[in-house]
C-alpha atoms as a PDB file:
ATOM      1  CA  MET A   1      69.874  -7.073 -36.957  1.00  0.00           C
ATOM      2  CA  TRP A   2      73.605  -6.580 -36.542  1.00  0.00           C
ATOM      3  CA  ALA A   3      75.794  -9.362 -35.342  1.00  0.00           C
ATOM      4  CA  ASP A   4      77.017  -7.679 -32.153  1.00  0.00           C
ATOM      5  CA  THR A   5      73.429  -7.045 -31.097  1.00  0.00           C
ATOM      6  CA  LEU A   6      72.696 -10.583 -31.838  1.00  0.00           C
ATOM      7  CA  GLN A   7      75.605 -11.778 -29.697  1.00  0.00           C
ATOM      8  CA  SER A   8      74.578  -9.331 -27.001  1.00  0.00           C
ATOM      9  CA  LEU A   9      71.056 -10.569 -27.084  1.00  0.00           C
ATOM     10  CA  GLU A  10      72.238 -13.983 -26.735  1.00  0.00           C
ATOM     11  CA  ARG A  11      75.072 -13.409 -24.273  1.00  0.00           C
ATOM     12  CA  SER A  12      71.756 -11.830 -21.924  1.00  0.00           C
ATOM     13  CA  TYR A  13      69.635 -14.654 -22.400  1.00  0.00           C
ATOM     14  CA  LEU A  14      72.656 -17.095 -21.322  1.00  0.00           C
ATOM     15  CA  LEU A  15      72.977 -14.981 -18.087  1.00  0.00           C
ATOM     16  CA  GLN A  16      69.566 -14.911 -17.541  1.00  0.00           C
ATOM     17  CA  LEU A  17      69.467 -18.989 -17.761  1.00  0.00           C
ATOM     18  CA  LEU A  18      72.828 -19.038 -15.638  1.00  0.00           C
ATOM     19  CA  ALA A  19      70.789 -16.990 -12.887  1.00  0.00           C
ATOM     20  CA  TRP A  20      67.882 -19.163 -12.950  1.00  0.00           C
ATOM     21  CA  ALA A  21      69.944 -22.225 -12.988  1.00  0.00           C
ATOM     22  CA  MET A  22      72.150 -20.873  -9.969  1.00  0.00           C
ATOM     23  CA  ALA A  23      68.957 -20.127  -8.162  1.00  0.00           C
ATOM     24  CA  SER A  24      67.340 -23.639  -8.702  1.00  0.00           C
ATOM     25  CA  VAL A  25      70.610 -24.749  -7.385  1.00  0.00           C
ATOM     26  CA  LEU A  26      70.530 -22.597  -4.352  1.00  0.00           C
ATOM     27  CA  ILE A  27      66.795 -23.237  -3.705  1.00  0.00           C
ATOM     28  CA  GLY A  28      67.114 -27.032  -4.078  1.00  0.00           C
ATOM     29  CA  THR A  29      69.885 -27.513  -2.066  1.00  0.00           C
ATOM     30  CA  VAL A  30      68.922 -25.009   1.026  1.00  0.00           C
ATOM     31  CA  THR A  31      65.540 -26.913   0.803  1.00  0.00           C
ATOM     32  CA  LEU A  32      67.276 -30.251   1.074  1.00  0.00           C
ATOM     33  CA  ALA A  33      69.543 -29.292   3.654  1.00  0.00           C
ATOM     34  CA  TRP A  34      66.526 -27.693   5.931  1.00  0.00           C
ATOM     35  CA  ILE A  35      64.599 -30.989   5.488  1.00  0.00           C
ATOM     36  CA  LYS A  36      67.666 -33.051   6.855  1.00  0.00           C
ATOM     37  CA  HIS A  37      67.896 -30.409   9.516  1.00  0.00           C
ATOM     38  CA  ARG A  38      64.510 -30.526  10.721  1.00  0.00           C
ATOM     39  CA  ASN A  39      64.450 -34.629  10.243  1.00  0.00           C
ATOM     40  CA  TRP A  40      60.906 -34.201   8.136  1.00  0.00           C
ATOM     41  CA  GLN A  41      59.953 -37.070   6.504  1.00  0.00           C
ATOM     42  CA  THR A  42      58.305 -35.737   3.225  1.00  0.00           C
ATOM     43  CA  VAL A  43      59.101 -37.460  -0.013  1.00  0.00           C
ATOM     44  CA  LEU A  44      57.368 -35.034  -1.996  1.00  0.00           C
ATOM     45  CA  LEU A  45      59.463 -32.167  -0.911  1.00  0.00           C
ATOM     46  CA  GLN A  46      62.829 -34.300  -1.073  1.00  0.00           C
ATOM     47  CA  GLN A  47      62.235 -35.387  -4.711  1.00  0.00           C
ATOM     48  CA  PHE A  48      61.177 -31.857  -5.906  1.00  0.00           C
ATOM     49  CA  SER A  49      63.937 -30.261  -4.216  1.00  0.00           C
ATOM     50  CA  LEU A  50      66.393 -32.843  -5.512  1.00  0.00           C
ATOM     51  CA  HIS A  51      65.123 -32.366  -9.161  1.00  0.00           C
ATOM     52  CA  THR A  52      65.228 -28.557  -8.812  1.00  0.00           C
ATOM     53  CA  ALA A  53      68.863 -28.897  -7.511  1.00  0.00           C
ATOM     54  CA  LEU A  54      69.825 -31.274 -10.288  1.00  0.00           C
ATOM     55  CA  TRP A  55      67.979 -29.581 -13.121  1.00  0.00           C
ATOM     56  CA  GLY A  56      69.723 -26.137 -11.894  1.00  0.00           C
ATOM     57  CA  VAL A  57      73.110 -28.079 -12.208  1.00  0.00           C
ATOM     58  CA  LEU A  58      72.692 -29.319 -15.790  1.00  0.00           C
ATOM     59  CA  GLU A  59      71.480 -25.657 -16.826  1.00  0.00           C
ATOM     60  CA  SER A  60      74.393 -24.037 -15.351  1.00  0.00           C
ATOM     61  CA  VAL A  61      76.747 -26.234 -16.762  1.00  0.00           C
ATOM     62  CA  LEU A  62      74.894 -25.624 -20.180  1.00  0.00           C
ATOM     63  CA  ALA A  63      74.693 -22.237 -19.898  1.00  0.00           C
ATOM     64  CA  LEU A  64      78.657 -21.871 -19.044  1.00  0.00           C
ATOM     65  CA  LEU A  65      79.375 -24.192 -21.849  1.00  0.00           C
ATOM     66  CA  LEU A  66      77.486 -22.036 -24.306  1.00  0.00           C
ATOM     67  CA  LEU A  67      78.805 -18.662 -22.791  1.00  0.00           C
ATOM     68  CA  THR A  68      82.400 -19.695 -23.190  1.00  0.00           C
ATOM     69  CA  GLN A  69      81.715 -20.623 -27.034  1.00  0.00           C
ATOM     70  CA  LEU A  70      79.998 -17.412 -27.874  1.00  0.00           C
ATOM     71  CA  SER A  71      80.591 -15.816 -31.159  1.00  0.00           C
ATOM     72  CA  LEU A  72      79.496 -13.303 -33.567  1.00  0.00           C
ATOM     73  CA  ARG A  73      76.967 -14.961 -36.012  1.00  0.00           C
ATOM     74  CA  ASP A  74      76.405 -14.565 -39.805  1.00  0.00           C
ATOM     75  CA  LEU A  75      72.678 -14.786 -41.397  1.00  0.00           C
ATOM     76  CA  ALA A  76      72.876 -18.588 -41.416  1.00  0.00           C
ATOM     77  CA  GLY A  77      73.927 -18.636 -37.814  1.00  0.00           C
ATOM     78  CA  ALA A  78      71.332 -16.499 -36.987  1.00  0.00           C
ATOM     79  CA  ILE A  79      68.487 -18.682 -38.329  1.00  0.00           C
ATOM     80  CA  ARG A  80      69.997 -21.896 -36.808  1.00  0.00           C
ATOM     81  CA  LEU A  81      69.864 -19.774 -33.548  1.00  0.00           C
ATOM     82  CA  ASP A  82      66.438 -18.933 -34.290  1.00  0.00           C
ATOM     83  CA  ARG A  83      65.174 -22.567 -35.123  1.00  0.00           C
ATOM     84  CA  MET A  84      67.022 -23.851 -31.902  1.00  0.00           C
ATOM     85  CA  VAL A  85      64.976 -21.418 -29.731  1.00  0.00           C
ATOM     86  CA  TRP A  86      61.725 -22.471 -31.294  1.00  0.00           C
ATOM     87  CA  LEU A  87      62.729 -26.344 -31.032  1.00  0.00           C
ATOM     88  CA  SER A  88      63.449 -25.773 -27.466  1.00  0.00           C
ATOM     89  CA  VAL A  89      60.173 -23.902 -26.598  1.00  0.00           C
ATOM     90  CA  GLY A  90      58.467 -26.998 -28.170  1.00  0.00           C
ATOM     91  CA  LEU A  91      60.626 -29.364 -26.111  1.00  0.00           C
ATOM     92  CA  GLU A  92      60.325 -27.358 -22.835  1.00  0.00           C
ATOM     93  CA  ILE A  93      56.394 -27.266 -23.460  1.00  0.00           C
ATOM     94  CA  GLY A  94      56.593 -30.901 -23.781  1.00  0.00           C
ATOM     95  CA  LEU A  95      58.708 -31.113 -20.524  1.00  0.00           C
ATOM     96  CA  VAL A  96      55.520 -29.403 -18.851  1.00  0.00           C
ATOM     97  CA  PHE A  97      53.235 -32.121 -20.090  1.00  0.00           C
ATOM     98  CA  VAL A  98      55.440 -34.843 -18.609  1.00  0.00           C
ATOM     99  CA  GLY A  99      55.786 -33.409 -15.490  1.00  0.00           C
ATOM    100  CA  VAL A 100      51.828 -32.729 -15.208  1.00  0.00           C
ATOM    101  CA  ALA A 101      51.426 -36.418 -16.244  1.00  0.00           C
ATOM    102  CA  LEU A 102      53.662 -37.622 -13.613  1.00  0.00           C
ATOM    103  CA  VAL A 103      51.970 -35.389 -10.770  1.00  0.00           C
ATOM    104  CA  TRP A 104      48.658 -36.540 -12.185  1.00  0.00           C
ATOM    105  CA  SER A 105      49.612 -40.054 -12.255  1.00  0.00           C
ATOM    106  CA  GLY A 106      51.445 -39.860  -8.893  1.00  0.00           C
ATOM    107  CA  SER A 107      48.607 -38.236  -7.129  1.00  0.00           C
ATOM    108  CA  ARG A 108      46.486 -41.229  -8.576  1.00  0.00           C
ATOM    109  CA  ALA A 109      48.688 -43.677  -7.482  1.00  0.00           C
ATOM    110  CA  GLN A 110      49.340 -41.971  -3.960  1.00  0.00           C
ATOM    111  CA  ARG A 111      53.220 -41.830  -4.943  1.00  0.00           C
ATOM    112  CA  ALA A 112      54.484 -38.703  -3.434  1.00  0.00           C
ATOM    113  CA  GLU A 113      57.851 -38.847  -5.087  1.00  0.00           C
ATOM    114  CA  LEU A 114      56.109 -39.056  -8.409  1.00  0.00           C
ATOM    115  CA  VAL A 115      54.237 -35.648  -7.560  1.00  0.00           C
ATOM    116  CA  GLY A 116      57.431 -34.220  -6.247  1.00  0.00           C
ATOM    117  CA  THR A 117      59.403 -35.236  -9.446  1.00  0.00           C
ATOM    118  CA  GLY A 118      56.534 -34.066 -11.631  1.00  0.00           C
ATOM    119  CA  GLY A 119      56.252 -30.978  -9.984  1.00  0.00           C
ATOM    120  CA  ALA A 120      59.576 -29.854 -10.246  1.00  0.00           C
ATOM    121  CA  ILE A 121      59.751 -31.007 -13.930  1.00  0.00           C
ATOM    122  CA  ALA A 122      56.869 -28.944 -15.124  1.00  0.00           C
ATOM    123  CA  LEU A 123      58.576 -25.995 -13.108  1.00  0.00           C
ATOM    124  CA  GLN A 124      61.912 -26.280 -15.135  1.00  0.00           C
ATOM    125  CA  GLY A 125      60.141 -26.911 -18.169  1.00  0.00           C
ATOM    126  CA  ALA A 126      57.910 -23.841 -17.822  1.00  0.00           C
ATOM    127  CA  ALA A 127      60.659 -21.568 -17.019  1.00  0.00           C
ATOM    128  CA  LEU A 128      62.960 -22.733 -19.667  1.00  0.00           C
ATOM    129  CA  ALA A 129      60.098 -22.106 -21.795  1.00  0.00           C
ATOM    130  CA  THR A 130      59.360 -18.482 -20.767  1.00  0.00           C
ATOM    131  CA  LEU A 131      63.224 -17.628 -21.316  1.00  0.00           C
ATOM    132  CA  HIS A 132      63.213 -19.014 -24.694  1.00  0.00           C
ATOM    133  CA  LEU A 133      60.054 -17.207 -25.728  1.00  0.00           C
ATOM    134  CA  ALA A 134      61.501 -13.912 -24.283  1.00  0.00           C
ATOM    135  CA  LEU A 135      64.634 -14.655 -26.534  1.00  0.00           C
ATOM    136  CA  ALA A 136      62.388 -15.746 -29.422  1.00  0.00           C
ATOM    137  CA  ALA A 137      60.439 -12.429 -28.986  1.00  0.00           C
ATOM    138  CA  GLN A 138      63.481 -10.089 -29.192  1.00  0.00           C
ATOM    139  CA  LEU A 139      65.449 -12.062 -32.082  1.00  0.00           C
ATOM    140  CA  SER A 140      61.938 -11.315 -34.299  1.00  0.00           C
ATOM    141  CA  ARG A 141      62.253  -7.467 -33.920  1.00  0.00           C
END
């Protein structure tokens, strides 16, 4: 794979990550505002929305930072990128399990805030793993 092709794939991935992050911020913020406007007392939805928005902020900062540092990669850089992508997939699958564990323990303890938090973490982990797996598939060509 040529360096400019790899850079194009990486830029495309980062733009997809930024789009997901901004959608998370938007959906989380709008949902929080809607809850406040309606004066609903739903801890589960509040925590889900709050964590969705916070994860979106973190992901957007990371995507923007990586976009500003994007450069052509040599073979060693391409190998490092591939390894980081697979490490990220593993960590994000771990996030899904952490989120599911929080949902499970929160539902057993009847703590809605844990269920909302866990749901948001599991969703973000699954989305990030999906983005990274799509990048890994493109890198393996």
